[in-house]
N, C-alpha and C. Protein backbone atom coordinates (compact mmCIF):
# COMPACT_ATOMS: atom_id res chain seq x y z
N MET A 1 7.65 -8.82 14.05
CA MET A 1 6.83 -7.83 13.37
C MET A 1 7.47 -7.49 12.02
N ILE A 2 6.64 -7.33 11.02
CA ILE A 2 7.13 -7.04 9.67
C ILE A 2 7.17 -5.53 9.44
N ALA A 3 8.27 -5.07 8.86
CA ALA A 3 8.41 -3.67 8.45
C ALA A 3 8.26 -3.60 6.93
N TRP A 4 7.40 -2.72 6.46
CA TRP A 4 7.08 -2.61 5.04
C TRP A 4 7.77 -1.41 4.42
N SER A 5 8.24 -1.60 3.17
CA SER A 5 8.89 -0.53 2.41
C SER A 5 8.50 -0.66 0.94
N PRO A 6 8.52 0.45 0.21
CA PRO A 6 8.28 0.36 -1.24
C PRO A 6 9.41 -0.42 -1.91
N ASN A 7 9.10 -1.09 -3.00
CA ASN A 7 10.08 -1.88 -3.74
C ASN A 7 10.39 -1.21 -5.07
N GLU A 8 11.59 -0.72 -5.23
CA GLU A 8 12.04 -0.18 -6.52
C GLU A 8 10.93 0.58 -7.26
N ILE A 9 10.40 1.60 -6.64
CA ILE A 9 9.28 2.34 -7.21
C ILE A 9 9.61 2.86 -8.61
N SER A 10 10.87 3.12 -8.90
CA SER A 10 11.24 3.62 -10.22
C SER A 10 10.93 2.61 -11.33
N ARG A 11 10.74 1.36 -10.97
CA ARG A 11 10.44 0.34 -11.97
C ARG A 11 8.95 0.32 -12.34
N PHE A 12 8.15 1.10 -11.64
CA PHE A 12 6.71 1.14 -11.87
C PHE A 12 6.27 2.51 -12.39
N ARG A 13 5.26 2.50 -13.23
CA ARG A 13 4.59 3.72 -13.65
C ARG A 13 3.18 3.64 -13.09
N ILE A 14 2.79 4.68 -12.38
CA ILE A 14 1.50 4.67 -11.68
C ILE A 14 0.64 5.81 -12.19
N LYS A 15 -0.60 5.49 -12.56
CA LYS A 15 -1.59 6.49 -12.92
C LYS A 15 -2.67 6.41 -11.85
N ASP A 16 -2.70 7.44 -10.99
CA ASP A 16 -3.62 7.47 -9.86
C ASP A 16 -4.92 8.14 -10.27
N PHE A 17 -6.04 7.48 -10.01
CA PHE A 17 -7.36 8.02 -10.32
C PHE A 17 -8.13 8.41 -9.06
N GLY A 18 -7.41 8.69 -7.97
CA GLY A 18 -8.04 9.11 -6.73
C GLY A 18 -8.91 8.03 -6.13
N ASP A 19 -10.18 8.37 -5.89
CA ASP A 19 -11.11 7.42 -5.26
C ASP A 19 -11.39 6.19 -6.11
N ASP A 20 -11.03 6.24 -7.38
CA ASP A 20 -11.26 5.10 -8.26
C ASP A 20 -10.07 4.16 -8.32
N GLY A 21 -9.03 4.42 -7.52
CA GLY A 21 -7.86 3.55 -7.50
C GLY A 21 -6.79 4.01 -8.46
N ALA A 22 -6.01 3.06 -8.95
CA ALA A 22 -4.88 3.39 -9.82
C ALA A 22 -4.60 2.22 -10.75
N VAL A 23 -3.83 2.52 -11.78
CA VAL A 23 -3.31 1.50 -12.68
C VAL A 23 -1.80 1.55 -12.54
N VAL A 24 -1.19 0.38 -12.35
CA VAL A 24 0.25 0.30 -12.16
C VAL A 24 0.84 -0.54 -13.27
N TYR A 25 1.82 0.03 -13.96
CA TYR A 25 2.54 -0.68 -15.02
C TYR A 25 3.93 -1.03 -14.51
N ASP A 26 4.29 -2.31 -14.58
CA ASP A 26 5.59 -2.80 -14.15
C ASP A 26 6.50 -2.85 -15.38
N ILE A 27 7.47 -1.95 -15.44
CA ILE A 27 8.36 -1.86 -16.58
C ILE A 27 9.15 -3.15 -16.76
N ALA A 28 9.57 -3.77 -15.67
CA ALA A 28 10.40 -4.97 -15.74
C ALA A 28 9.66 -6.16 -16.36
N SER A 29 8.41 -6.35 -15.98
CA SER A 29 7.67 -7.52 -16.46
C SER A 29 6.71 -7.21 -17.61
N GLY A 30 6.36 -5.94 -17.77
CA GLY A 30 5.37 -5.56 -18.77
C GLY A 30 3.94 -5.74 -18.31
N ASP A 31 3.74 -6.13 -17.06
CA ASP A 31 2.40 -6.35 -16.51
C ASP A 31 1.76 -5.03 -16.10
N THR A 32 0.44 -4.96 -16.25
CA THR A 32 -0.35 -3.82 -15.80
C THR A 32 -1.37 -4.34 -14.79
N HIS A 33 -1.52 -3.61 -13.69
CA HIS A 33 -2.42 -4.05 -12.62
C HIS A 33 -3.32 -2.91 -12.18
N ALA A 34 -4.55 -3.25 -11.81
CA ALA A 34 -5.47 -2.30 -11.18
C ALA A 34 -5.25 -2.40 -9.67
N VAL A 35 -5.16 -1.24 -9.03
CA VAL A 35 -4.95 -1.17 -7.58
C VAL A 35 -6.08 -0.33 -6.99
N ASP A 36 -6.70 -0.82 -5.92
CA ASP A 36 -7.80 -0.04 -5.34
C ASP A 36 -7.27 1.20 -4.61
N ALA A 37 -8.18 2.11 -4.31
CA ALA A 37 -7.81 3.40 -3.72
C ALA A 37 -7.11 3.24 -2.37
N LEU A 38 -7.56 2.29 -1.57
CA LEU A 38 -6.94 2.09 -0.26
C LEU A 38 -5.50 1.61 -0.40
N ALA A 39 -5.27 0.64 -1.26
CA ALA A 39 -3.91 0.15 -1.47
C ALA A 39 -3.01 1.27 -1.99
N MET A 40 -3.55 2.13 -2.83
CA MET A 40 -2.77 3.25 -3.34
C MET A 40 -2.41 4.22 -2.22
N GLU A 41 -3.35 4.45 -1.30
CA GLU A 41 -3.08 5.30 -0.14
C GLU A 41 -1.97 4.70 0.72
N LEU A 42 -2.01 3.38 0.91
CA LEU A 42 -0.97 2.72 1.69
C LEU A 42 0.40 2.87 1.01
N LEU A 43 0.43 2.70 -0.29
CA LEU A 43 1.69 2.85 -1.02
C LEU A 43 2.23 4.27 -0.88
N GLN A 44 1.36 5.25 -0.99
CA GLN A 44 1.80 6.64 -0.84
C GLN A 44 2.33 6.89 0.57
N MET A 45 1.67 6.31 1.57
CA MET A 45 2.15 6.46 2.94
C MET A 45 3.55 5.88 3.09
N LEU A 46 3.78 4.73 2.47
CA LEU A 46 5.10 4.09 2.55
C LEU A 46 6.15 4.86 1.74
N MET A 47 5.74 5.48 0.65
CA MET A 47 6.69 6.26 -0.14
C MET A 47 7.11 7.51 0.63
N GLU A 48 6.24 8.02 1.49
CA GLU A 48 6.56 9.20 2.29
C GLU A 48 7.45 8.85 3.49
N ARG A 49 7.23 7.68 4.07
CA ARG A 49 8.01 7.28 5.25
C ARG A 49 8.03 5.76 5.36
N ALA A 50 9.21 5.22 5.28
CA ALA A 50 9.38 3.76 5.38
C ALA A 50 10.74 3.48 6.00
N PRO A 51 10.92 2.34 6.58
CA PRO A 51 9.96 1.24 6.75
C PRO A 51 8.95 1.56 7.84
N ARG A 52 7.80 0.90 7.73
CA ARG A 52 6.73 1.06 8.70
C ARG A 52 6.06 -0.28 8.94
N THR A 53 5.57 -0.45 10.15
CA THR A 53 4.81 -1.66 10.47
C THR A 53 3.35 -1.45 10.10
N ALA A 54 2.62 -2.54 9.99
CA ALA A 54 1.19 -2.45 9.71
C ALA A 54 0.47 -1.71 10.83
N ASP A 55 0.92 -1.88 12.07
CA ASP A 55 0.31 -1.16 13.20
C ASP A 55 0.47 0.34 13.05
N SER A 56 1.64 0.80 12.65
CA SER A 56 1.90 2.22 12.46
C SER A 56 1.03 2.78 11.33
N ILE A 57 0.93 2.03 10.25
CA ILE A 57 0.11 2.46 9.12
C ILE A 57 -1.36 2.50 9.55
N SER A 58 -1.81 1.49 10.28
CA SER A 58 -3.21 1.44 10.73
C SER A 58 -3.55 2.63 11.61
N ALA A 59 -2.65 3.01 12.49
CA ALA A 59 -2.89 4.15 13.37
C ALA A 59 -3.08 5.43 12.57
N ASP A 60 -2.24 5.65 11.57
CA ASP A 60 -2.37 6.85 10.73
C ASP A 60 -3.63 6.78 9.86
N LEU A 61 -3.92 5.61 9.33
CA LEU A 61 -5.08 5.46 8.45
C LEU A 61 -6.38 5.62 9.23
N ALA A 62 -6.40 5.21 10.49
CA ALA A 62 -7.61 5.34 11.31
C ALA A 62 -8.03 6.80 11.43
N ARG A 63 -7.06 7.70 11.43
CA ARG A 63 -7.39 9.13 11.49
C ARG A 63 -8.10 9.59 10.21
N LEU A 64 -7.77 8.96 9.08
CA LEU A 64 -8.38 9.32 7.80
C LEU A 64 -9.74 8.67 7.61
N LEU A 65 -9.94 7.52 8.23
CA LEU A 65 -11.17 6.75 8.06
C LEU A 65 -12.04 6.86 9.30
N GLU A 66 -12.45 8.06 9.61
CA GLU A 66 -13.29 8.28 10.79
C GLU A 66 -14.56 7.44 10.69
N GLY A 67 -14.95 6.88 11.81
CA GLY A 67 -16.17 6.08 11.84
C GLY A 67 -15.94 4.59 11.63
N GLU A 68 -14.76 4.22 11.17
CA GLU A 68 -14.44 2.80 10.98
C GLU A 68 -13.92 2.23 12.30
N THR A 69 -14.22 0.98 12.57
CA THR A 69 -13.70 0.35 13.78
C THR A 69 -12.22 0.05 13.60
N GLU A 70 -11.54 -0.10 14.71
CA GLU A 70 -10.11 -0.42 14.66
C GLU A 70 -9.88 -1.73 13.93
N ALA A 71 -10.73 -2.71 14.19
CA ALA A 71 -10.60 -4.01 13.53
C ALA A 71 -10.77 -3.88 12.01
N ASP A 72 -11.72 -3.05 11.58
CA ASP A 72 -11.92 -2.85 10.13
C ASP A 72 -10.71 -2.19 9.49
N VAL A 73 -10.11 -1.22 10.18
CA VAL A 73 -8.94 -0.54 9.65
C VAL A 73 -7.76 -1.51 9.56
N VAL A 74 -7.53 -2.28 10.60
CA VAL A 74 -6.44 -3.26 10.60
C VAL A 74 -6.64 -4.27 9.48
N ASP A 75 -7.86 -4.75 9.31
CA ASP A 75 -8.17 -5.70 8.24
C ASP A 75 -7.91 -5.07 6.86
N ALA A 76 -8.34 -3.84 6.68
CA ALA A 76 -8.15 -3.15 5.40
C ALA A 76 -6.66 -2.96 5.10
N VAL A 77 -5.88 -2.60 6.10
CA VAL A 77 -4.43 -2.43 5.91
C VAL A 77 -3.80 -3.77 5.55
N ASP A 78 -4.17 -4.82 6.25
CA ASP A 78 -3.61 -6.15 5.94
C ASP A 78 -3.94 -6.56 4.50
N ARG A 79 -5.18 -6.35 4.07
CA ARG A 79 -5.57 -6.69 2.70
C ARG A 79 -4.81 -5.83 1.69
N GLY A 80 -4.71 -4.53 1.97
CA GLY A 80 -4.00 -3.63 1.06
C GLY A 80 -2.53 -3.97 0.93
N LEU A 81 -1.87 -4.25 2.05
CA LEU A 81 -0.46 -4.63 2.00
C LEU A 81 -0.27 -5.95 1.26
N ALA A 82 -1.19 -6.88 1.45
CA ALA A 82 -1.10 -8.16 0.74
C ALA A 82 -1.23 -7.94 -0.76
N GLN A 83 -2.15 -7.07 -1.17
CA GLN A 83 -2.31 -6.76 -2.59
C GLN A 83 -1.03 -6.14 -3.15
N LEU A 84 -0.49 -5.16 -2.44
CA LEU A 84 0.74 -4.49 -2.90
C LEU A 84 1.92 -5.46 -2.94
N GLN A 85 1.99 -6.37 -1.98
CA GLN A 85 3.07 -7.35 -1.97
C GLN A 85 2.95 -8.32 -3.14
N ARG A 86 1.74 -8.78 -3.44
CA ARG A 86 1.52 -9.68 -4.59
C ARG A 86 1.99 -9.05 -5.89
N LEU A 87 1.79 -7.73 -6.01
CA LEU A 87 2.18 -7.01 -7.22
C LEU A 87 3.66 -6.63 -7.24
N GLY A 88 4.35 -6.84 -6.12
CA GLY A 88 5.76 -6.49 -6.05
C GLY A 88 6.03 -5.04 -5.75
N LEU A 89 4.99 -4.30 -5.32
CA LEU A 89 5.15 -2.87 -5.04
C LEU A 89 5.75 -2.60 -3.67
N VAL A 90 5.58 -3.53 -2.74
CA VAL A 90 6.16 -3.37 -1.40
C VAL A 90 6.86 -4.65 -0.99
N LEU A 91 7.78 -4.49 -0.08
CA LEU A 91 8.51 -5.61 0.49
C LEU A 91 8.36 -5.59 2.00
N GLY A 92 8.20 -6.76 2.59
CA GLY A 92 8.14 -6.88 4.03
C GLY A 92 9.39 -7.57 4.54
N SER A 93 9.94 -7.04 5.62
CA SER A 93 11.11 -7.68 6.22
C SER A 93 10.92 -7.74 7.73
N ALA A 94 11.52 -8.76 8.34
CA ALA A 94 11.41 -8.94 9.79
C ALA A 94 12.05 -7.74 10.46
N HIS A 95 11.34 -7.24 11.46
CA HIS A 95 11.79 -6.02 12.14
C HIS A 95 12.19 -6.34 13.56
């Protein structure tokens, strides 16, 4: 099982637009990225408590996304973590 943690958050500047997502600037590379609202929520969850597994994150997120099926929540968390990992915002390690 993979445990997820934020990656050197001090290297990023984040402008959060709430339901419209966020813009993330990577100081090290000079790249700017658009991040959707769900991925931003996942990052904030990890910044509050890490490391965490995708299952743990999904359980907490399911409480926020009432009416969504468990499969939809798990899929959304997997997509969000993949997006954050591609951008270098989170790291996964074997747990």
